[in-house]
Amino acid sequence: MCESLYLSLTTLYRELRKENTSLKELINHLRLTEAAVLLSGTKLSVGAIANEVGFGSSSYFCKIFKQSFNCTPVEYRRMIN
C-alpha cells in the first residue's frame, strides 16, 4: 500500500493519525464503499460480496456495514433498488 501511495510506513501512519483514523478503519471504509457499489449494481449474495471485498466472515461484514450505513446490507440493497 505504501508503495502505491509513494509514502513510507511512518508517513502513512502520521497522516492517518492527523485524520484521527487507523489503517484498519481506512481499509474497512474502502471495502465497505466497494461493497455498497456491489450491493447496488449486482445480484450477488451478501456472503459473496463480503468475500469479494475481503471480509472473511459475512457476520462481521454485516456488523461493520450496519455500523457505517445504519442499515444491514439487505436493507441497503432494498433502499437503493
C-alpha atoms as a PDB file:
ATOM      1  CA  MET A   1       0.000   0.000   0.000  1.00  0.00           C
ATOM      2  CA  CYS A   2       2.789   2.405   0.881  1.00  0.00           C
ATOM      3  CA  GLU A   3       4.454   1.845  -2.489  1.00  0.00           C
ATOM      4  CA  SER A   4       1.200   2.629  -4.305  1.00  0.00           C
ATOM      5  CA  LEU A   5       0.852   5.871  -2.355  1.00  0.00           C
ATOM      6  CA  TYR A   6       4.556   6.709  -2.611  1.00  0.00           C
ATOM      7  CA  LEU A   7       4.747   7.058   1.176  1.00  0.00           C
ATOM      8  CA  SER A   8       6.874   5.488   3.838  1.00  0.00           C
ATOM      9  CA  LEU A   9       5.089   3.479   6.505  1.00  0.00           C
ATOM     10  CA  THR A  10       5.916   6.149   9.076  1.00  0.00           C
ATOM     11  CA  THR A  11       4.450   8.908   6.910  1.00  0.00           C
ATOM     12  CA  LEU A  12       1.310   6.875   6.243  1.00  0.00           C
ATOM     13  CA  TYR A  13       0.690   6.355   9.949  1.00  0.00           C
ATOM     14  CA  ARG A  14       1.432  10.025  10.673  1.00  0.00           C
ATOM     15  CA  GLU A  15      -1.117  11.143   8.070  1.00  0.00           C
ATOM     16  CA  LEU A  16      -3.711   8.697   9.401  1.00  0.00           C
ATOM     17  CA  ARG A  17      -3.138   9.994  12.931  1.00  0.00           C
ATOM     18  CA  LYS A  18      -3.759  13.546  11.688  1.00  0.00           C
ATOM     19  CA  GLU A  19      -7.120  12.366  10.344  1.00  0.00           C
ATOM     20  CA  ASN A  20      -7.946  10.581  13.625  1.00  0.00           C
ATOM     21  CA  THR A  21      -8.232   7.209  11.907  1.00  0.00           C
ATOM     22  CA  SER A  22      -6.340   3.952  11.709  1.00  0.00           C
ATOM     23  CA  LEU A  23      -5.190   1.827   8.816  1.00  0.00           C
ATOM     24  CA  LYS A  24      -7.826  -0.772   9.704  1.00  0.00           C
ATOM     25  CA  GLU A  25     -10.587   1.862   9.626  1.00  0.00           C
ATOM     26  CA  LEU A  26      -9.350   3.171   6.276  1.00  0.00           C
ATOM     27  CA  ILE A  27      -9.265  -0.310   4.754  1.00  0.00           C
ATOM     28  CA  ASN A  28     -12.715  -1.130   6.134  1.00  0.00           C
ATOM     29  CA  HIS A  29     -14.052   2.129   4.687  1.00  0.00           C
ATOM     30  CA  LEU A  30     -12.674   1.251   1.249  1.00  0.00           C
ATOM     31  CA  ARG A  31     -14.070  -2.287   1.476  1.00  0.00           C
ATOM     32  CA  LEU A  32     -17.495  -1.050   2.562  1.00  0.00           C
ATOM     33  CA  THR A  33     -17.591   1.532  -0.214  1.00  0.00           C
ATOM     34  CA  GLU A  34     -16.897  -1.203  -2.756  1.00  0.00           C
ATOM     35  CA  ALA A  35     -19.488  -3.438  -1.079  1.00  0.00           C
ATOM     36  CA  ALA A  36     -22.115  -0.692  -1.418  1.00  0.00           C
ATOM     37  CA  VAL A  37     -21.361  -0.453  -5.138  1.00  0.00           C
ATOM     38  CA  LEU A  38     -21.696  -4.231  -5.498  1.00  0.00           C
ATOM     39  CA  LEU A  39     -24.926  -4.289  -3.492  1.00  0.00           C
ATOM     40  CA  SER A  40     -26.489  -1.684  -5.741  1.00  0.00           C
ATOM     41  CA  GLY A  41     -25.126  -2.979  -9.041  1.00  0.00           C
ATOM     42  CA  THR A  42     -25.165  -6.769  -8.802  1.00  0.00           C
ATOM     43  CA  LYS A  43     -27.340  -9.637  -7.676  1.00  0.00           C
ATOM     44  CA  LEU A  44     -24.511 -11.279  -5.711  1.00  0.00           C
ATOM     45  CA  SER A  45     -25.396 -12.620  -2.279  1.00  0.00           C
ATOM     46  CA  VAL A  46     -24.274 -10.718   0.804  1.00  0.00           C
ATOM     47  CA  GLY A  47     -21.858 -13.544   1.648  1.00  0.00           C
ATOM     48  CA  ALA A  48     -20.335 -13.427  -1.837  1.00  0.00           C
ATOM     49  CA  ILE A  49     -19.937  -9.659  -1.617  1.00  0.00           C
ATOM     50  CA  ALA A  50     -18.327  -9.964   1.829  1.00  0.00           C
ATOM     51  CA  ASN A  51     -15.777 -12.386   0.372  1.00  0.00           C
ATOM     52  CA  GLU A  52     -15.285 -10.288  -2.760  1.00  0.00           C
ATOM     53  CA  VAL A  53     -14.328  -7.172  -0.787  1.00  0.00           C
ATOM     54  CA  GLY A  54     -12.051  -9.034   1.610  1.00  0.00           C
ATOM     55  CA  PHE A  55     -14.077  -9.896   4.708  1.00  0.00           C
ATOM     56  CA  GLY A  56     -13.535 -13.465   5.897  1.00  0.00           C
ATOM     57  CA  SER A  57     -16.795 -13.563   7.823  1.00  0.00           C
ATOM     58  CA  SER A  58     -20.145 -12.420   6.467  1.00  0.00           C
ATOM     59  CA  SER A  59     -21.445 -11.827  10.006  1.00  0.00           C
ATOM     60  CA  TYR A  60     -18.533  -9.469  10.746  1.00  0.00           C
ATOM     61  CA  PHE A  61     -19.138  -7.786   7.392  1.00  0.00           C
ATOM     62  CA  CYS A  62     -22.825  -7.239   8.262  1.00  0.00           C
ATOM     63  CA  LYS A  63     -21.904  -5.859  11.691  1.00  0.00           C
ATOM     64  CA  ILE A  64     -19.379  -3.362  10.282  1.00  0.00           C
ATOM     65  CA  PHE A  65     -21.698  -2.439   7.395  1.00  0.00           C
ATOM     66  CA  LYS A  66     -24.530  -1.665   9.806  1.00  0.00           C
ATOM     67  CA  GLN A  67     -22.233   0.494  11.954  1.00  0.00           C
ATOM     68  CA  SER A  68     -21.232   2.524   8.893  1.00  0.00           C
ATOM     69  CA  PHE A  69     -24.507   2.755   6.956  1.00  0.00           C
ATOM     70  CA  ASN A  70     -27.031   2.416   9.817  1.00  0.00           C
ATOM     71  CA  CYS A  71     -28.747  -0.445   7.989  1.00  0.00           C
ATOM     72  CA  THR A  72     -27.963  -4.027   7.065  1.00  0.00           C
ATOM     73  CA  PRO A  73     -26.633  -4.871   3.595  1.00  0.00           C
ATOM     74  CA  VAL A  74     -30.018  -6.368   2.651  1.00  0.00           C
ATOM     75  CA  GLU A  75     -31.852  -3.222   3.792  1.00  0.00           C
ATOM     76  CA  TYR A  76     -29.337  -1.098   1.861  1.00  0.00           C
ATOM     77  CA  ARG A  77     -29.958  -3.102  -1.297  1.00  0.00           C
ATOM     78  CA  ARG A  78     -33.728  -2.671  -0.897  1.00  0.00           C
ATOM     79  CA  MET A  79     -33.389   1.097  -0.377  1.00  0.00           C
ATOM     80  CA  ILE A  80     -31.141   1.540  -3.420  1.00  0.00           C
ATOM     81  CA  ASN A  81     -33.281  -0.581  -5.726  1.00  0.00           C
END
